[in-house]
PDB file of N, CA and C in Angstrom:
ATOM      1  N   MET A   1       0.772  -0.805  -0.179  1.00  0.00           N
ATOM      2  CA  MET A   1       0.075  -0.144  -0.017  1.00  0.00           C
ATOM      3  C   MET A   1       1.018   1.251  -0.061  1.00  0.00           C
ATOM      4  N   SER A   2       0.576   2.670  -0.504  1.00  0.00           N
ATOM      5  CA  SER A   2       1.155   3.296  -1.185  1.00  0.00           C
ATOM      6  C   SER A   2       0.142   4.630  -0.983  1.00  0.00           C
ATOM      7  N   GLN A   3       0.973   5.945  -0.809  1.00  0.00           N
ATOM      8  CA  GLN A   3       0.076   7.022  -1.075  1.00  0.00           C
ATOM      9  C   GLN A   3       0.994   8.159  -1.381  1.00  0.00           C
ATOM     10  N   CYS A   4       0.104   8.979  -1.947  1.00  0.00           N
ATOM     11  CA  CYS A   4       1.597  10.252  -2.078  1.00  0.00           C
ATOM     12  C   CYS A   4       0.292  11.278  -2.575  1.00  0.00           C
ATOM     13  N   LYS A   5       0.242  12.593  -2.481  1.00  0.00           N
ATOM     14  CA  LYS A   5      -0.790  13.500  -3.179  1.00  0.00           C
ATOM     15  C   LYS A   5      -0.436  14.418  -4.364  1.00  0.00           C
ATOM     16  N   ILE A   6      -1.670  14.541  -4.991  1.00  0.00           N
ATOM     17  CA  ILE A   6      -1.187  15.181  -6.377  1.00  0.00           C
ATOM     18  C   ILE A   6      -2.327  16.582  -6.823  1.00  0.00           C
ATOM     19  N   LYS A   7      -2.470  16.761  -7.330  1.00  0.00           N
ATOM     20  CA  LYS A   7      -3.066  17.929  -7.438  1.00  0.00           C
ATOM     21  C   LYS A   7      -3.866  18.145  -9.418  1.00  0.00           C
ATOM     22  N   LEU A   8      -5.643  17.910  -9.293  1.00  0.00           N
ATOM     23  CA  LEU A   8      -6.036  17.785 -10.655  1.00  0.00           C
ATOM     24  C   LEU A   8      -6.281  18.980 -10.339  1.00  0.00           C
ATOM     25  N   ASN A   9      -5.652  20.001 -11.987  1.00  0.00           N
ATOM     26  CA  ASN A   9      -6.491  21.162 -12.211  1.00  0.00           C
ATOM     27  C   ASN A   9      -7.943  21.458 -12.910  1.00  0.00           C
ATOM     28  N   ALA A  10      -7.415  20.539 -13.635  1.00  0.00           N
ATOM     29  CA  ALA A  10      -8.500  20.552 -15.068  1.00  0.00           C
ATOM     30  C   ALA A  10      -9.429  19.053 -15.506  1.00  0.00           C
ATOM     31  N   THR A  11     -10.652  19.485 -15.737  1.00  0.00           N
ATOM     32  CA  THR A  11     -11.026  18.398 -16.014  1.00  0.00           C
ATOM     33  C   THR A  11     -10.716  16.577 -16.862  1.00  0.00           C
ATOM     34  N   GLU A  12      -9.686  18.280 -18.012  1.00  0.00           N
ATOM     35  CA  GLU A  12      -8.239  16.809 -18.642  1.00  0.00           C
ATOM     36  C   GLU A  12      -7.790  16.140 -17.756  1.00  0.00           C
ATOM     37  N   ASP A  13      -7.071  16.382 -16.859  1.00  0.00           N
ATOM     38  CA  ASP A  13      -6.218  16.156 -15.858  1.00  0.00           C
ATOM     39  C   ASP A  13      -7.348  15.128 -15.018  1.00  0.00           C
ATOM     40  N   VAL A  14      -8.180  15.265 -14.293  1.00  0.00           N
ATOM     41  CA  VAL A  14      -9.092  14.541 -14.036  1.00  0.00           C
ATOM     42  C   VAL A  14      -9.888  13.364 -14.793  1.00  0.00           C
ATOM     43  N   LYS A  15     -10.022  13.954 -16.332  1.00  0.00           N
ATOM     44  CA  LYS A  15      -9.759  12.088 -17.300  1.00  0.00           C
ATOM     45  C   LYS A  15      -9.018  11.624 -17.394  1.00  0.00           C
ATOM     46  N   GLU A  16      -7.688  11.814 -16.996  1.00  0.00           N
ATOM     47  CA  GLU A  16      -6.414  11.164 -17.485  1.00  0.00           C
ATOM     48  C   GLU A  16      -6.139  10.368 -16.662  1.00  0.00           C
ATOM     49  N   PHE A  17      -5.997  11.078 -15.026  1.00  0.00           N
ATOM     50  CA  PHE A  17      -6.267  10.576 -13.525  1.00  0.00           C
ATOM     51  C   PHE A  17      -7.038   8.728 -13.859  1.00  0.00           C
ATOM     52  N   VAL A  18      -8.490   9.577 -14.184  1.00  0.00           N
ATOM     53  CA  VAL A  18      -8.733   8.083 -14.266  1.00  0.00           C
ATOM     54  C   VAL A  18      -9.015   6.796 -15.151  1.00  0.00           C
ATOM     55  N   ASP A  19      -8.852   7.287 -15.940  1.00  0.00           N
ATOM     56  CA  ASP A  19      -8.719   6.408 -17.615  1.00  0.00           C
ATOM     57  C   ASP A  19      -7.211   5.108 -16.847  1.00  0.00           C
ATOM     58  N   ALA A  20      -6.616   6.091 -16.350  1.00  0.00           N
ATOM     59  CA  ALA A  20      -4.867   5.717 -15.701  1.00  0.00           C
ATOM     60  C   ALA A  20      -5.018   5.083 -15.122  1.00  0.00           C
ATOM     61  N   ALA A  21      -5.815   5.000 -13.017  1.00  0.00           N
ATOM     62  CA  ALA A  21      -6.878   3.981 -12.326  1.00  0.00           C
ATOM     63  C   ALA A  21      -7.228   3.163 -12.686  1.00  0.00           C
ATOM     64  N   SER A  22      -8.280   3.300 -13.694  1.00  0.00           N
ATOM     65  CA  SER A  22      -9.321   1.736 -14.323  1.00  0.00           C
ATOM     66  C   SER A  22      -8.561   0.751 -15.201  1.00  0.00           C
ATOM     67  N   LYS A  23      -6.763   1.239 -15.568  1.00  0.00           N
ATOM     68  CA  LYS A  23      -6.267  -0.669 -15.932  1.00  0.00           C
ATOM     69  C   LYS A  23      -5.834  -1.131 -15.223  1.00  0.00           C
ATOM     70  N   CYS A  24      -5.738   0.087 -13.655  1.00  0.00           N
ATOM     71  CA  CYS A  24      -5.398  -1.309 -12.858  1.00  0.00           C
ATOM     72  C   CYS A  24      -6.465  -2.284 -11.881  1.00  0.00           C
ATOM     73  N   ASP A  25      -5.431  -3.186 -11.466  1.00  0.00           N
ATOM     74  CA  ASP A  25      -6.773  -4.614 -11.372  1.00  0.00           C
ATOM     75  C   ASP A  25      -6.642  -4.702  -9.978  1.00  0.00           C
ATOM     76  N   PHE A  26      -6.492  -3.099  -8.982  1.00  0.00           N
ATOM     77  CA  PHE A  26      -6.226  -3.679  -8.355  1.00  0.00           C
ATOM     78  C   PHE A  26      -6.806  -2.059  -7.068  1.00  0.00           C
ATOM     79  N   ASP A  27      -7.548  -2.118  -5.734  1.00  0.00           N
ATOM     80  CA  ASP A  27      -8.381  -0.517  -5.827  1.00  0.00           C
ATOM     81  C   ASP A  27      -7.683   0.602  -5.570  1.00  0.00           C
ATOM     82  N   ILE A  28      -7.213   2.141  -6.223  1.00  0.00           N
ATOM     83  CA  ILE A  28      -7.074   3.109  -5.152  1.00  0.00           C
ATOM     84  C   ILE A  28      -8.114   4.469  -4.891  1.00  0.00           C
ATOM     85  N   ASP A  29      -8.042   4.494  -3.936  1.00  0.00           N
ATOM     86  CA  ASP A  29      -8.363   6.306  -3.351  1.00  0.00           C
ATOM     87  C   ASP A  29      -7.781   7.266  -2.695  1.00  0.00           C
ATOM     88  N   ILE A  30      -8.920   8.055  -3.397  1.00  0.00           N
ATOM     89  CA  ILE A  30      -8.563   9.104  -3.519  1.00  0.00           C
ATOM     90  C   ILE A  30      -9.099  10.300  -1.686  1.00  0.00           C
ATOM     91  N   PHE A  31      -8.904  10.256  -1.509  1.00  0.00           N
ATOM     92  CA  PHE A  31      -9.046  11.536  -0.718  1.00  0.00           C
ATOM     93  C   PHE A  31      -8.194  12.541  -0.236  1.00  0.00           C
ATOM     94  N   TYR A  32      -9.316  13.681   0.449  1.00  0.00           N
ATOM     95  CA  TYR A  32      -9.542  14.853   1.322  1.00  0.00           C
ATOM     96  C   TYR A  32     -10.289  14.389   3.076  1.00  0.00           C
ATOM     97  N   ASN A  33      -9.607  14.871   3.837  1.00  0.00           N
ATOM     98  CA  ASN A  33      -9.753  14.867   5.286  1.00  0.00           C
ATOM     99  C   ASN A  33     -10.831  13.906   5.826  1.00  0.00           C
ATOM    100  N   ARG A  34     -12.682  13.928   5.283  1.00  0.00           N
ATOM    101  CA  ARG A  34     -13.285  12.074   5.903  1.00  0.00           C
ATOM    102  C   ARG A  34     -13.561  12.304   4.848  1.00  0.00           C
ATOM    103  N   ILE A  35     -13.901  12.877   3.421  1.00  0.00           N
ATOM    104  CA  ILE A  35     -14.179  12.474   2.482  1.00  0.00           C
ATOM    105  C   ILE A  35     -13.518  10.784   1.887  1.00  0.00           C
ATOM    106  N   ILE A  36     -13.905  10.254   1.237  1.00  0.00           N
ATOM    107  CA  ILE A  36     -12.900   9.632   0.225  1.00  0.00           C
ATOM    108  C   ILE A  36     -13.189   8.417  -0.900  1.00  0.00           C
ATOM    109  N   ILE A  37     -13.417   8.728  -1.962  1.00  0.00           N
ATOM    110  CA  ILE A  37     -13.696   8.501  -3.281  1.00  0.00           C
ATOM    111  C   ILE A  37     -12.746   7.662  -4.590  1.00  0.00           C
ATOM    112  N   ASP A  38     -13.249   6.531  -4.496  1.00  0.00           N
ATOM    113  CA  ASP A  38     -13.489   5.217  -6.049  1.00  0.00           C
ATOM    114  C   ASP A  38     -12.608   6.112  -6.892  1.00  0.00           C
ATOM    115  N   ALA A  39     -11.646   5.948  -7.545  1.00  0.00           N
ATOM    116  CA  ALA A  39      -9.780   7.001  -8.369  1.00  0.00           C
ATOM    117  C   ALA A  39     -10.583   6.800  -9.478  1.00  0.00           C
ATOM    118  N   LYS A  40     -11.083   5.617  -9.601  1.00  0.00           N
ATOM    119  CA  LYS A  40     -12.179   4.910 -10.546  1.00  0.00           C
ATOM    120  C   LYS A  40     -13.354   6.030 -11.631  1.00  0.00           C
ATOM    121  N   SER A  41     -13.569   6.422 -10.321  1.00  0.00           N
ATOM    122  CA  SER A  41     -14.754   7.760 -10.642  1.00  0.00           C
ATOM    123  C   SER A  41     -14.452   8.076 -10.995  1.00  0.00           C
ATOM    124  N   ILE A  42     -15.077   8.865 -12.048  1.00  0.00           N
ATOM    125  CA  ILE A  42     -14.927  10.462 -12.481  1.00  0.00           C
ATOM    126  C   ILE A  42     -15.883  11.434 -12.016  1.00  0.00           C
ATOM    127  N   LEU A  43     -16.928  10.570 -12.018  1.00  0.00           N
ATOM    128  CA  LEU A  43     -17.739  11.761 -11.579  1.00  0.00           C
ATOM    129  C   LEU A  43     -17.453  11.906  -9.978  1.00  0.00           C
ATOM    130  N   GLY A  44     -16.940  11.091  -8.852  1.00  0.00           N
ATOM    131  CA  GLY A  44     -17.008  10.932  -8.497  1.00  0.00           C
ATOM    132  C   GLY A  44     -15.631  12.041  -8.105  1.00  0.00           C
ATOM    133  N   ILE A  45     -14.460  12.394  -9.062  1.00  0.00           N
ATOM    134  CA  ILE A  45     -13.704  12.677  -8.037  1.00  0.00           C
ATOM    135  C   ILE A  45     -14.068  13.813  -9.372  1.00  0.00           C
ATOM    136  N   LEU A  46     -14.536  14.504  -9.984  1.00  0.00           N
ATOM    137  CA  LEU A  46     -15.522  16.327  -9.956  1.00  0.00           C
ATOM    138  C   LEU A  46     -16.264  16.515  -9.146  1.00  0.00           C
ATOM    139  N   SER A  47     -16.877  15.672  -8.012  1.00  0.00           N
ATOM    140  CA  SER A  47     -17.407  16.076  -7.326  1.00  0.00           C
ATOM    141  C   SER A  47     -16.881  16.270  -6.092  1.00  0.00           C
ATOM    142  N   MET A  48     -15.231  17.070  -5.732  1.00  0.00           N
ATOM    143  CA  MET A  48     -14.850  16.834  -4.954  1.00  0.00           C
ATOM    144  C   MET A  48     -13.573  18.018  -5.229  1.00  0.00           C
ATOM    145  N   ASP A  49     -13.729  19.242  -4.406  1.00  0.00           N
ATOM    146  CA  ASP A  49     -13.202  19.774  -4.204  1.00  0.00           C
ATOM    147  C   ASP A  49     -11.790  20.075  -5.031  1.00  0.00           C
ATOM    148  N   LEU A  50     -10.965  20.423  -5.362  1.00  0.00           N
ATOM    149  CA  LEU A  50     -10.509  20.112  -6.449  1.00  0.00           C
ATOM    150  C   LEU A  50      -9.120  21.136  -6.280  1.00  0.00           C
ATOM    151  N   THR A  51      -9.677  22.295  -5.971  1.00  0.00           N
ATOM    152  CA  THR A  51      -8.755  23.142  -5.611  1.00  0.00           C
ATOM    153  C   THR A  51      -7.736  22.701  -4.465  1.00  0.00           C
ATOM    154  N   ARG A  52      -8.526  21.449  -4.100  1.00  0.00           N
ATOM    155  CA  ARG A  52      -7.022  20.940  -2.385  1.00  0.00           C
ATOM    156  C   ARG A  52      -6.649  20.148  -2.954  1.00  0.00           C
ATOM    157  N   ASP A  53      -5.346  19.615  -2.400  1.00  0.00           N
ATOM    158  CA  ASP A  53      -4.251  18.560  -2.573  1.00  0.00           C
ATOM    159  C   ASP A  53      -5.041  17.765  -2.035  1.00  0.00           C
ATOM    160  N   LEU A  54      -4.661  16.226  -2.492  1.00  0.00           N
ATOM    161  CA  LEU A  54      -5.419  14.961  -2.498  1.00  0.00           C
ATOM    162  C   LEU A  54      -4.580  14.361  -2.807  1.00  0.00           C
ATOM    163  N   THR A  55      -4.668  13.314  -1.607  1.00  0.00           N
ATOM    164  CA  THR A  55      -4.288  12.120  -1.228  1.00  0.00           C
ATOM    165  C   THR A  55      -4.608  10.980  -1.766  1.00  0.00           C
ATOM    166  N   VAL A  56      -4.370  10.077  -2.906  1.00  0.00           N
ATOM    167  CA  VAL A  56      -3.829   8.971  -3.560  1.00  0.00           C
ATOM    168  C   VAL A  56      -3.023   7.664  -2.707  1.00  0.00           C
ATOM    169  N   GLN A  57      -4.390   6.186  -2.225  1.00  0.00           N
ATOM    170  CA  GLN A  57      -3.670   5.565  -1.561  1.00  0.00           C
ATOM    171  C   GLN A  57      -3.722   4.377  -2.536  1.00  0.00           C
ATOM    172  N   CYS A  58      -3.204   3.534  -2.946  1.00  0.00           N
ATOM    173  CA  CYS A  58      -2.766   1.984  -3.864  1.00  0.00           C
ATOM    174  C   CYS A  58      -2.770   1.274  -3.070  1.00  0.00           C
ATOM    175  N   TYR A  59      -3.548  -0.158  -3.248  1.00  0.00           N
ATOM    176  CA  TYR A  59      -3.147  -1.128  -2.764  1.00  0.00           C
ATOM    177  C   TYR A  59      -2.516  -2.280  -3.916  1.00  0.00           C
ATOM    178  N   GLY A  60      -1.642  -1.727  -4.618  1.00  0.00           N
ATOM    179  CA  GLY A  60      -1.394  -2.497  -5.395  1.00  0.00           C
ATOM    180  C   GLY A  60      -0.471  -1.232  -6.306  1.00  0.00           C
ATOM    181  N   ASP A  61       0.323  -2.100  -7.282  1.00  0.00           N
ATOM    182  CA  ASP A  61       1.177  -1.389  -8.013  1.00  0.00           C
ATOM    183  C   ASP A  61       1.804  -1.807  -9.244  1.00  0.00           C
ATOM    184  N   SER A  62       1.817  -0.531 -10.076  1.00  0.00           N
ATOM    185  CA  SER A  62       1.939  -0.303 -11.006  1.00  0.00           C
ATOM    186  C   SER A  62       2.276   0.679 -12.177  1.00  0.00           C
ATOM    187  N   ASN A  63       4.095  -0.444 -13.219  1.00  0.00           N
ATOM    188  CA  ASN A  63       4.664   0.868 -13.419  1.00  0.00           C
ATOM    189  C   ASN A  63       3.332   1.991 -14.139  1.00  0.00           C
ATOM    190  N   GLU A  64       3.344   1.352 -14.544  1.00  0.00           N
ATOM    191  CA  GLU A  64       2.471   2.696 -15.936  1.00  0.00           C
ATOM    192  C   GLU A  64       0.850   3.833 -14.952  1.00  0.00           C
ATOM    193  N   PHE A  65       0.600   3.434 -14.467  1.00  0.00           N
ATOM    194  CA  PHE A  65      -0.331   3.908 -13.177  1.00  0.00           C
ATOM    195  C   PHE A  65       1.184   4.895 -11.882  1.00  0.00           C
ATOM    196  N   ASN A  66       2.074   4.599 -11.576  1.00  0.00           N
ATOM    197  CA  ASN A  66       3.274   5.786 -10.505  1.00  0.00           C
ATOM    198  C   ASN A  66       3.437   6.438 -11.994  1.00  0.00           C
ATOM    199  N   LYS A  67       3.323   6.330 -13.422  1.00  0.00           N
ATOM    200  CA  LYS A  67       4.306   7.654 -14.042  1.00  0.00           C
ATOM    201  C   LYS A  67       2.958   8.964 -14.182  1.00  0.00           C
ATOM    202  N   THR A  68       1.411   7.731 -13.809  1.00  0.00           N
ATOM    203  CA  THR A  68       0.223   9.075 -13.853  1.00  0.00           C
ATOM    204  C   THR A  68       0.555   9.659 -12.325  1.00  0.00           C
ATOM    205  N   LEU A  69       0.433   9.080 -11.508  1.00  0.00           N
ATOM    206  CA  LEU A  69       0.778   9.167 -10.429  1.00  0.00           C
ATOM    207  C   LEU A  69       2.104  10.810  -9.957  1.00  0.00           C
ATOM    208  N   LYS A  70       3.123  10.467 -10.777  1.00  0.00           N
ATOM    209  CA  LYS A  70       4.900  11.743 -10.913  1.00  0.00           C
ATOM    210  C   LYS A  70       4.367  12.943 -11.503  1.00  0.00           C
ATOM    211  N   LYS A  71       2.846  12.447 -12.769  1.00  0.00           N
ATOM    212  CA  LYS A  71       2.783  13.670 -13.570  1.00  0.00           C
ATOM    213  C   LYS A  71       2.202  15.159 -12.540  1.00  0.00           C
ATOM    214  N   PHE A  72       1.044  14.452 -11.577  1.00  0.00           N
ATOM    215  CA  PHE A  72       0.749  15.710 -11.017  1.00  0.00           C
ATOM    216  C   PHE A  72       1.101  15.464  -9.805  1.00  0.00           C
ATOM    217  N   ALA A  73       1.959  14.786  -9.671  1.00  0.00           N
ATOM    218  CA  ALA A  73       2.007  15.220  -7.663  1.00  0.00           C
ATOM    219  C   ALA A  73       3.113  16.244  -7.047  1.00  0.00           C
ATOM    220  N   VAL A  74       2.086  16.178  -5.880  1.00  0.00           N
ATOM    221  CA  VAL A  74       2.831  17.833  -5.877  1.00  0.00           C
ATOM    222  C   VAL A  74       3.713  17.627  -4.875  1.00  0.00           C
ATOM    223  N   ALA A  75       4.541  18.183  -4.274  1.00  0.00           N
ATOM    224  CA  ALA A  75       6.340  18.747  -3.996  1.00  0.00           C
ATOM    225  C   ALA A  75       5.687  18.458  -2.561  1.00  0.00           C
TER     226      ALA A  75
END
């Protein structure tokens, strides 16, 4: 299990992130405060406050998905 913080600034970013997450065969959650959303749900993520840094929790590992995480990672 791994965690990292990301920032999704635009609808296109959300779509790219969800597309990458959907290709994974393990669960991925995205959350802030007490709100937890399935990272494979585009409507769920779009309903979140995208002005915040979001925490991604992966329950598996994928090199392709890790590239997407690095693209949106917050320093």
